[in-house]
PDB file of all heavy atoms in Angstrom:
ATOM      1  N   LEU A   1      -3.626 114.530  54.919  1.00  0.00           N
ATOM      2  CA  LEU A   1      -3.913 113.192  55.407  1.00  0.00           C
ATOM      3  C   LEU A   1      -5.141 112.562  54.765  1.00  0.00           C
ATOM      4  O   LEU A   1      -5.162 111.349  54.547  1.00  0.00           O
ATOM      5  CB  LEU A   1      -4.057 113.203  56.936  1.00  0.00           C
ATOM      6  CG  LEU A   1      -2.816 113.682  57.698  1.00  0.00           C
ATOM      7  CD1 LEU A   1      -3.071 113.651  59.188  1.00  0.00           C
ATOM      8  CD2 LEU A   1      -1.597 112.866  57.326  1.00  0.00           C
ATOM      9  N   ASP A   2      -6.157 113.352  54.442  1.00  0.00           N
ATOM     10  CA  ASP A   2      -7.336 112.782  53.780  1.00  0.00           C
ATOM     11  C   ASP A   2      -6.988 112.284  52.379  1.00  0.00           C
ATOM     12  O   ASP A   2      -7.455 111.219  51.965  1.00  0.00           O
ATOM     13  CB  ASP A   2      -8.471 113.808  53.715  1.00  0.00           C
ATOM     14  CG  ASP A   2      -9.073 114.089  55.086  1.00  0.00           C
ATOM     15  OD1 ASP A   2      -9.146 113.146  55.909  1.00  0.00           O
ATOM     16  OD2 ASP A   2      -9.458 115.246  55.340  1.00  0.00           O
ATOM     17  N   GLU A   3      -6.171 113.046  51.666  1.00  0.00           N
ATOM     18  CA  GLU A   3      -5.740 112.603  50.330  1.00  0.00           C
ATOM     19  C   GLU A   3      -4.871 111.359  50.437  1.00  0.00           C
ATOM     20  O   GLU A   3      -4.972 110.446  49.623  1.00  0.00           O
ATOM     21  CB  GLU A   3      -4.978 113.720  49.619  1.00  0.00           C
ATOM     22  CG  GLU A   3      -5.855 114.885  49.217  1.00  0.00           C
ATOM     23  CD  GLU A   3      -5.041 116.013  48.625  1.00  0.00           C
ATOM     24  OE1 GLU A   3      -4.489 115.817  47.510  1.00  0.00           O
ATOM     25  OE2 GLU A   3      -4.939 117.077  49.279  1.00  0.00           O
ATOM     26  N   TRP A   4      -4.003 111.324  51.461  1.00  0.00           N
ATOM     27  CA  TRP A   4      -3.155 110.145  51.693  1.00  0.00           C
ATOM     28  C   TRP A   4      -4.038 108.932  51.970  1.00  0.00           C
ATOM     29  O   TRP A   4      -3.821 107.871  51.398  1.00  0.00           O
ATOM     30  CB  TRP A   4      -2.192 110.418  52.849  1.00  0.00           C
ATOM     31  CG  TRP A   4      -1.368 109.237  53.242  1.00  0.00           C
ATOM     32  CD1 TRP A   4      -0.313 108.706  52.555  1.00  0.00           C
ATOM     33  CD2 TRP A   4      -1.520 108.431  54.409  1.00  0.00           C
ATOM     34  NE1 TRP A   4       0.202 107.625  53.226  1.00  0.00           N
ATOM     35  CE2 TRP A   4      -0.536 107.445  54.370  1.00  0.00           C
ATOM     36  CE3 TRP A   4      -2.399 108.471  55.487  1.00  0.00           C
ATOM     37  CZ2 TRP A   4      -0.393 106.490  55.372  1.00  0.00           C
ATOM     38  CZ3 TRP A   4      -2.266 107.524  56.479  1.00  0.00           C
ATOM     39  CH2 TRP A   4      -1.271 106.541  56.415  1.00  0.00           C
ATOM     40  N   LEU A   5      -5.030 109.099  52.832  1.00  0.00           N
ATOM     41  CA  LEU A   5      -5.932 108.001  53.163  1.00  0.00           C
ATOM     42  C   LEU A   5      -6.680 107.517  51.917  1.00  0.00           C
ATOM     43  O   LEU A   5      -6.968 106.334  51.785  1.00  0.00           O
ATOM     44  CB  LEU A   5      -6.912 108.459  54.239  1.00  0.00           C
ATOM     45  CG  LEU A   5      -7.672 107.391  54.995  1.00  0.00           C
ATOM     46  CD1 LEU A   5      -6.729 106.436  55.720  1.00  0.00           C
ATOM     47  CD2 LEU A   5      -8.627 108.038  55.981  1.00  0.00           C
ATOM     48  N   GLY A   6      -6.939 108.427  50.984  1.00  0.00           N
ATOM     49  CA  GLY A   6      -7.608 108.065  49.737  1.00  0.00           C
ATOM     50  C   GLY A   6      -6.784 107.157  48.835  1.00  0.00           C
ATOM     51  O   GLY A   6      -7.315 106.592  47.886  1.00  0.00           O
ATOM     52  N   LEU A   7      -5.500 107.006  49.124  1.00  0.00           N
ATOM     53  CA  LEU A   7      -4.651 106.100  48.345  1.00  0.00           C
ATOM     54  C   LEU A   7      -4.804 104.639  48.769  1.00  0.00           C
ATOM     55  O   LEU A   7      -4.251 103.754  48.131  1.00  0.00           O
ATOM     56  CB  LEU A   7      -3.174 106.493  48.489  1.00  0.00           C
ATOM     57  CG  LEU A   7      -2.755 107.849  47.946  1.00  0.00           C
ATOM     58  CD1 LEU A   7      -1.274 108.085  48.221  1.00  0.00           C
ATOM     59  CD2 LEU A   7      -3.042 107.955  46.453  1.00  0.00           C
ATOM     60  N   PHE A   8      -5.537 104.395  49.849  1.00  0.00           N
ATOM     61  CA  PHE A   8      -5.644 103.045  50.395  1.00  0.00           C
ATOM     62  C   PHE A   8      -6.877 102.313  49.888  1.00  0.00           C
ATOM     63  O   PHE A   8      -7.949 102.895  49.744  1.00  0.00           O
ATOM     64  CB  PHE A   8      -5.662 103.092  51.932  1.00  0.00           C
ATOM     65  CG  PHE A   8      -4.316 103.335  52.532  1.00  0.00           C
ATOM     66  CD1 PHE A   8      -3.806 104.626  52.607  1.00  0.00           C
ATOM     67  CD2 PHE A   8      -3.553 102.282  53.001  1.00  0.00           C
ATOM     68  CE1 PHE A   8      -2.559 104.860  53.147  1.00  0.00           C
ATOM     69  CE2 PHE A   8      -2.306 102.510  53.548  1.00  0.00           C
ATOM     70  CZ  PHE A   8      -1.811 103.803  53.621  1.00  0.00           C
ATOM     71  N   HIS A   9      -6.709 101.037  49.657  1.00  0.00           N
ATOM     72  CA  HIS A   9      -7.789 100.129  49.279  1.00  0.00           C
ATOM     73  C   HIS A   9      -8.725  99.971  50.485  1.00  0.00           C
ATOM     74  O   HIS A   9      -8.267 100.013  51.630  1.00  0.00           O
ATOM     75  CB  HIS A   9      -7.175  98.774  48.876  1.00  0.00           C
ATOM     76  CG  HIS A   9      -8.134  97.805  48.329  1.00  0.00           C
ATOM     77  ND1 HIS A   9      -8.921  97.005  49.130  1.00  0.00           N
ATOM     78  CD2 HIS A   9      -8.452  97.496  47.050  1.00  0.00           C
ATOM     79  CE1 HIS A   9      -9.668  96.236  48.374  1.00  0.00           C
ATOM     80  NE2 HIS A   9      -9.409  96.510  47.104  1.00  0.00           N
ATOM     81  N   PRO A  10     -10.032  99.773  50.273  1.00  0.00           N
ATOM     82  CA  PRO A  10     -10.956  99.616  51.405  1.00  0.00           C
ATOM     83  C   PRO A  10     -10.595  98.466  52.359  1.00  0.00           C
ATOM     84  O   PRO A  10     -10.944  98.503  53.532  1.00  0.00           O
ATOM     85  CB  PRO A  10     -12.312  99.360  50.746  1.00  0.00           C
ATOM     86  CG  PRO A  10     -12.181  99.920  49.369  1.00  0.00           C
ATOM     87  CD  PRO A  10     -10.731  99.795  48.993  1.00  0.00           C
ATOM     88  N   GLU A  11      -9.880  97.464  51.864  1.00  0.00           N
ATOM     89  CA  GLU A  11      -9.489  96.322  52.702  1.00  0.00           C
ATOM     90  C   GLU A  11      -8.015  96.395  53.108  1.00  0.00           C
ATOM     91  O   GLU A  11      -7.416  95.381  53.465  1.00  0.00           O
ATOM     92  CB  GLU A  11      -9.756  95.018  51.960  1.00  0.00           C
ATOM     93  CG  GLU A  11     -11.217  94.796  51.645  1.00  0.00           C
ATOM     94  CD  GLU A  11     -11.452  93.599  50.743  1.00  0.00           C
ATOM     95  OE1 GLU A  11     -10.490  92.862  50.439  1.00  0.00           O
ATOM     96  OE2 GLU A  11     -12.609  93.401  50.333  1.00  0.00           O
ATOM     97  N   ALA A  12      -7.453  97.579  53.082  1.00  0.00           N
ATOM     98  CA  ALA A  12      -6.023  97.740  53.349  1.00  0.00           C
ATOM     99  C   ALA A  12      -5.673  97.434  54.805  1.00  0.00           C
ATOM    100  O   ALA A  12      -6.501  97.550  55.706  1.00  0.00           O
ATOM    101  CB  ALA A  12      -5.579  99.155  53.002  1.00  0.00           C
ATOM    102  N   VAL A  13      -4.415  97.084  54.982  1.00  0.00           N
ATOM    103  CA  VAL A  13      -3.841  96.905  56.310  1.00  0.00           C
ATOM    104  C   VAL A  13      -2.536  97.698  56.360  1.00  0.00           C
ATOM    105  O   VAL A  13      -1.814  97.786  55.367  1.00  0.00           O
ATOM    106  CB  VAL A  13      -3.624  95.405  56.642  1.00  0.00           C
ATOM    107  CG1 VAL A  13      -2.638  94.753  55.705  1.00  0.00           C
ATOM    108  CG2 VAL A  13      -3.211  95.228  58.089  1.00  0.00           C
ATOM    109  N   TYR A  14      -2.290  98.313  57.513  1.00  0.00           N
ATOM    110  CA  TYR A  14      -1.091  99.134  57.726  1.00  0.00           C
ATOM    111  C   TYR A  14      -0.368  98.558  58.933  1.00  0.00           C
ATOM    112  O   TYR A  14      -0.933  98.503  60.025  1.00  0.00           O
ATOM    113  CB  TYR A  14      -1.511 100.585  57.944  1.00  0.00           C
ATOM    114  CG  TYR A  14      -0.397 101.570  58.218  1.00  0.00           C
ATOM    115  CD1 TYR A  14       0.778 101.553  57.485  1.00  0.00           C
ATOM    116  CD2 TYR A  14      -0.538 102.537  59.196  1.00  0.00           C
ATOM    117  CE1 TYR A  14       1.779 102.474  57.727  1.00  0.00           C
ATOM    118  CE2 TYR A  14       0.463 103.466  59.446  1.00  0.00           C
ATOM    119  CZ  TYR A  14       1.615 103.424  58.710  1.00  0.00           C
ATOM    120  OH  TYR A  14       2.616 104.326  58.950  1.00  0.00           O
ATOM    121  N   LEU A  15       0.863  98.100  58.741  1.00  0.00           N
ATOM    122  CA  LEU A  15       1.609  97.390  59.780  1.00  0.00           C
ATOM    123  C   LEU A  15       2.935  98.066  60.088  1.00  0.00           C
ATOM    124  O   LEU A  15       3.655  98.479  59.178  1.00  0.00           O
ATOM    125  CB  LEU A  15       1.916  95.957  59.326  1.00  0.00           C
ATOM    126  CG  LEU A  15       0.739  95.052  59.001  1.00  0.00           C
ATOM    127  CD1 LEU A  15       1.218  93.812  58.260  1.00  0.00           C
ATOM    128  CD2 LEU A  15      -0.007  94.690  60.261  1.00  0.00           C
ATOM    129  N   ILE A  16       3.240  98.156  61.380  1.00  0.00           N
ATOM    130  CA  ILE A  16       4.591  98.504  61.821  1.00  0.00           C
ATOM    131  C   ILE A  16       4.948  97.512  62.912  1.00  0.00           C
ATOM    132  O   ILE A  16       4.525  97.648  64.070  1.00  0.00           O
ATOM    133  CB  ILE A  16       4.692  99.942  62.367  1.00  0.00           C
ATOM    134  CG1 ILE A  16       4.208 100.962  61.352  1.00  0.00           C
ATOM    135  CG2 ILE A  16       6.147 100.237  62.771  1.00  0.00           C
ATOM    136  CD1 ILE A  16       4.221 102.400  61.861  1.00  0.00           C
ATOM    137  N   PRO A  17       5.701  96.456  62.561  1.00  0.00           N
ATOM    138  CA  PRO A  17       6.126  95.514  63.594  1.00  0.00           C
ATOM    139  C   PRO A  17       7.198  96.147  64.483  1.00  0.00           C
ATOM    140  O   PRO A  17       7.830  97.130  64.095  1.00  0.00           O
ATOM    141  CB  PRO A  17       6.697  94.342  62.790  1.00  0.00           C
ATOM    142  CG  PRO A  17       7.075  94.928  61.475  1.00  0.00           C
ATOM    143  CD  PRO A  17       6.163  96.096  61.234  1.00  0.00           C
ATOM    144  N   THR A  18       7.383  95.590  65.662  1.00  0.00           N
ATOM    145  CA  THR A  18       8.452  96.103  66.509  1.00  0.00           C
ATOM    146  C   THR A  18       9.780  95.825  65.818  1.00  0.00           C
ATOM    147  O   THR A  18       9.951  94.792  65.164  1.00  0.00           O
ATOM    148  CB  THR A  18       8.451  95.438  67.894  1.00  0.00           C
ATOM    149  OG1 THR A  18       8.633  94.029  67.734  1.00  0.00           O
ATOM    150  CG2 THR A  18       7.181  95.728  68.659  1.00  0.00           C
ATOM    151  N   PRO A  19      10.740  96.731  65.956  1.00  0.00           N
ATOM    152  CA  PRO A  19      12.040  96.518  65.303  1.00  0.00           C
ATOM    153  C   PRO A  19      12.757  95.263  65.797  1.00  0.00           C
ATOM    154  O   PRO A  19      13.572  94.691  65.088  1.00  0.00           O
ATOM    155  CB  PRO A  19      12.833  97.774  65.667  1.00  0.00           C
ATOM    156  CG  PRO A  19      11.797  98.797  65.977  1.00  0.00           C
ATOM    157  CD  PRO A  19      10.644  98.049  66.568  1.00  0.00           C
ATOM    158  N   GLU A  20      12.423  94.821  67.005  1.00  0.00           N
ATOM    159  CA  GLU A  20      13.083  93.649  67.564  1.00  0.00           C
ATOM    160  C   GLU A  20      12.548  92.346  66.969  1.00  0.00           C
ATOM    161  O   GLU A  20      13.200  91.325  67.020  1.00  0.00           O
ATOM    162  CB  GLU A  20      12.906  93.627  69.090  1.00  0.00           C
ATOM    163  CG  GLU A  20      13.626  94.756  69.795  1.00  0.00           C
ATOM    164  CD  GLU A  20      12.900  96.103  69.694  1.00  0.00           C
ATOM    165  OE1 GLU A  20      11.668  96.123  69.461  1.00  0.00           O
ATOM    166  OE2 GLU A  20      13.579  97.132  69.819  1.00  0.00           O
ATOM    167  N   ASP A  21      11.332  92.365  66.434  1.00  0.00           N
ATOM    168  CA  ASP A  21      10.718  91.169  65.871  1.00  0.00           C
ATOM    169  C   ASP A  21       9.924  91.568  64.636  1.00  0.00           C
ATOM    170  O   ASP A  21       8.813  92.086  64.744  1.00  0.00           O
ATOM    171  CB  ASP A  21       9.808  90.495  66.891  1.00  0.00           C
ATOM    172  CG  ASP A  21       9.267  89.159  66.391  1.00  0.00           C
ATOM    173  OD1 ASP A  21       9.490  88.810  65.207  1.00  0.00           O
ATOM    174  OD2 ASP A  21       8.628  88.466  67.186  1.00  0.00           O
ATOM    175  N   LEU A  22      10.486  91.348  63.474  1.00  0.00           N
ATOM    176  CA  LEU A  22       9.872  91.789  62.228  1.00  0.00           C
ATOM    177  C   LEU A  22       8.926  90.754  61.627  1.00  0.00           C
ATOM    178  O   LEU A  22       8.686  90.745  60.430  1.00  0.00           O
ATOM    179  CB  LEU A  22      10.960  92.153  61.217  1.00  0.00           C
ATOM    180  CG  LEU A  22      11.844  93.333  61.619  1.00  0.00           C
ATOM    181  CD1 LEU A  22      12.951  93.550  60.604  1.00  0.00           C
ATOM    182  CD2 LEU A  22      11.025  94.598  61.782  1.00  0.00           C
ATOM    183  N   SER A  23       8.348  89.909  62.470  1.00  0.00           N
ATOM    184  CA  SER A  23       7.418  88.899  61.995  1.00  0.00           C
ATOM    185  C   SER A  23       6.215  89.554  61.331  1.00  0.00           C
ATOM    186  O   SER A  23       5.809  90.656  61.682  1.00  0.00           O
ATOM    187  CB  SER A  23       6.957  88.032  63.167  1.00  0.00           C
ATOM    188  OG  SER A  23       5.874  87.223  62.782  1.00  0.00           O
ATOM    189  N   ASP A  24       5.622  88.859  60.390  1.00  0.00           N
ATOM    190  CA  ASP A  24       4.441  89.373  59.691  1.00  0.00           C
ATOM    191  C   ASP A  24       3.143  89.070  60.418  1.00  0.00           C
ATOM    192  O   ASP A  24       2.114  89.594  60.047  1.00  0.00           O
ATOM    193  CB  ASP A  24       4.354  88.768  58.287  1.00  0.00           C
ATOM    194  CG  ASP A  24       5.154  89.561  57.281  1.00  0.00           C
ATOM    195  OD1 ASP A  24       5.469  90.726  57.544  1.00  0.00           O
ATOM    196  OD2 ASP A  24       5.461  89.000  56.219  1.00  0.00           O
ATOM    197  N   ASP A  25       3.179  88.236  61.422  1.00  0.00           N
ATOM    198  CA  ASP A  25       1.942  87.777  62.038  1.00  0.00           C
ATOM    199  C   ASP A  25       1.620  88.557  63.311  1.00  0.00           C
ATOM    200  O   ASP A  25       2.169  88.282  64.367  1.00  0.00           O
ATOM    201  CB  ASP A  25       2.047  86.287  62.356  1.00  0.00           C
ATOM    202  CG  ASP A  25       0.732  85.702  62.838  1.00  0.00           C
ATOM    203  OD1 ASP A  25      -0.265  86.444  62.905  1.00  0.00           O
ATOM    204  OD2 ASP A  25       0.718  84.496  63.132  1.00  0.00           O
ATOM    205  N   PRO A  26       0.722  89.553  63.214  1.00  0.00           N
ATOM    206  CA  PRO A  26       0.365  90.338  64.400  1.00  0.00           C
ATOM    207  C   PRO A  26      -0.314  89.507  65.490  1.00  0.00           C
ATOM    208  O   PRO A  26      -0.399  89.931  66.629  1.00  0.00           O
ATOM    209  CB  PRO A  26      -0.584  91.409  63.867  1.00  0.00           C
ATOM    210  CG  PRO A  26      -0.414  91.400  62.397  1.00  0.00           C
ATOM    211  CD  PRO A  26       0.061  90.033  62.020  1.00  0.00           C
TER     212      PRO A  26
END
């Protein structure tokens, strides 16, 4: 997991919208 986290940009965002509403706006 630490190596995986190292793949992310410092300003990264990780999103999982609900399957019922796949809107991009949290």
